[in-house]
Amino acid sequence: MRLGAKKKPFYRIVVADSRVQRDGKCIEQIGFYNPMVECGAPGFLKVNAERLGYWLGVGAQPTDRVSWFIKKGFIEAQGGSAASTAQEA
């Protein structure tokens, strides 16, 4: 979800239903991404890795940018599948 002012974008990393508008209601906000900050600097990216791991485990599809963050090692998806999370509880 894009936020920020003109030419100063700021993005929320959210879990959303594919049938809802891009900037519509989201299920859960799990982090943010600020492309105006240097890559790797504080404030560049913050994600709740446990929740990301949960959503990926139940079949959520990450966007291209979130997939890139995971591949480059900026995000480590912790948690696992919903079944393993339910067994721990």
Protein backbone atom coordinates (compact mmCIF):
# COMPACT_ATOMS: atom_id res chain seq x y z
CA MET A 1 0.00 0.00 0.00
CA ARG A 2 1.58 3.28 -1.11
CA LEU A 3 1.68 6.22 1.26
CA GLY A 4 3.75 9.38 1.46
CA ALA A 5 3.87 12.62 -0.46
CA LYS A 6 4.47 13.34 -4.12
CA LYS A 7 7.86 11.93 -5.17
CA LYS A 8 8.46 10.67 -1.60
CA PRO A 9 6.89 7.20 -1.50
CA PHE A 10 6.53 5.07 1.59
CA TYR A 11 5.02 1.59 1.44
CA ARG A 12 3.23 -0.59 3.96
CA ILE A 13 3.72 -4.32 3.59
CA VAL A 14 0.26 -5.77 4.07
CA VAL A 15 -1.67 -9.00 3.71
CA ALA A 16 -4.64 -8.39 1.42
CA ASP A 17 -7.30 -10.42 -0.31
CA SER A 18 -6.75 -10.55 -4.08
CA ARG A 19 -10.39 -9.60 -4.67
CA VAL A 20 -10.05 -6.25 -2.87
CA GLN A 21 -8.76 -3.00 -4.39
CA ARG A 22 -5.02 -2.39 -4.22
CA ASP A 23 -5.37 0.44 -1.69
CA GLY A 24 -8.49 -1.07 -0.09
CA LYS A 25 -8.97 -2.76 3.25
CA CYS A 26 -6.13 -5.07 4.25
CA ILE A 27 -6.22 -8.14 6.46
CA GLU A 28 -3.05 -7.33 8.39
CA GLN A 29 -0.16 -4.87 8.21
CA ILE A 30 3.10 -6.76 8.72
CA GLY A 31 5.73 -4.12 7.99
CA PHE A 32 6.92 -1.15 5.95
CA TYR A 33 9.42 -0.25 3.23
CA ASN A 34 10.94 3.19 2.64
CA PRO A 35 12.71 3.38 -0.76
CA MET A 36 14.00 6.89 0.00
CA VAL A 37 16.38 5.53 2.67
CA GLU A 38 19.63 3.86 1.62
CA CYS A 39 19.38 0.08 1.26
CA GLY A 40 20.18 -1.64 4.57
CA ALA A 41 20.07 1.56 6.65
CA PRO A 42 17.80 1.85 9.71
CA GLY A 43 14.29 2.76 8.60
CA PHE A 44 14.70 1.14 5.17
CA LEU A 45 12.67 -1.99 5.87
CA LYS A 46 10.92 -3.51 8.86
CA VAL A 47 8.86 -6.70 8.67
CA ASN A 48 7.35 -8.98 11.30
CA ALA A 49 9.10 -12.12 10.05
CA GLU A 50 6.99 -14.44 12.18
CA ARG A 51 3.73 -13.18 10.64
CA LEU A 52 5.28 -13.22 7.16
CA GLY A 53 6.25 -16.85 7.67
CA TYR A 54 2.74 -17.67 8.83
CA TRP A 55 1.06 -16.07 5.82
CA LEU A 56 3.47 -17.67 3.36
CA GLY A 57 2.82 -20.99 5.11
CA VAL A 58 -0.94 -20.76 4.55
CA GLY A 59 -0.51 -19.98 0.85
CA ALA A 60 -0.22 -16.20 0.54
CA GLN A 61 1.64 -15.04 -2.57
CA PRO A 62 4.28 -12.33 -1.98
CA THR A 63 4.58 -9.41 -4.39
CA ASP A 64 7.62 -9.13 -6.64
CA ARG A 65 9.29 -6.62 -4.30
CA VAL A 66 8.73 -8.71 -1.15
CA SER A 67 10.04 -11.79 -3.01
CA TRP A 68 13.14 -9.78 -3.95
CA PHE A 69 13.68 -8.77 -0.29
CA ILE A 70 13.47 -12.43 0.75
CA LYS A 71 15.89 -13.58 -1.98
CA LYS A 72 18.43 -10.86 -1.14
CA GLY A 73 18.29 -11.73 2.56
CA PHE A 74 16.72 -8.51 3.84
CA ILE A 75 13.82 -10.58 5.23
CA GLU A 76 14.02 -14.00 6.83
CA ALA A 77 10.56 -15.54 6.91
CA GLN A 78 10.29 -17.27 10.27
CA GLY A 79 7.43 -19.35 11.55
CA GLY A 80 6.49 -21.91 8.95
CA SER A 81 3.16 -23.43 8.11
CA ALA A 82 -0.11 -22.85 9.91
CA ALA A 83 -0.18 -26.50 10.94
CA SER A 84 3.11 -26.23 12.83
CA THR A 85 1.97 -22.98 14.45
CA ALA A 86 -1.28 -24.61 15.59
CA GLN A 87 0.61 -27.58 17.07
CA GLU A 88 2.84 -25.27 19.13
CA ALA A 89 -0.18 -23.56 20.73
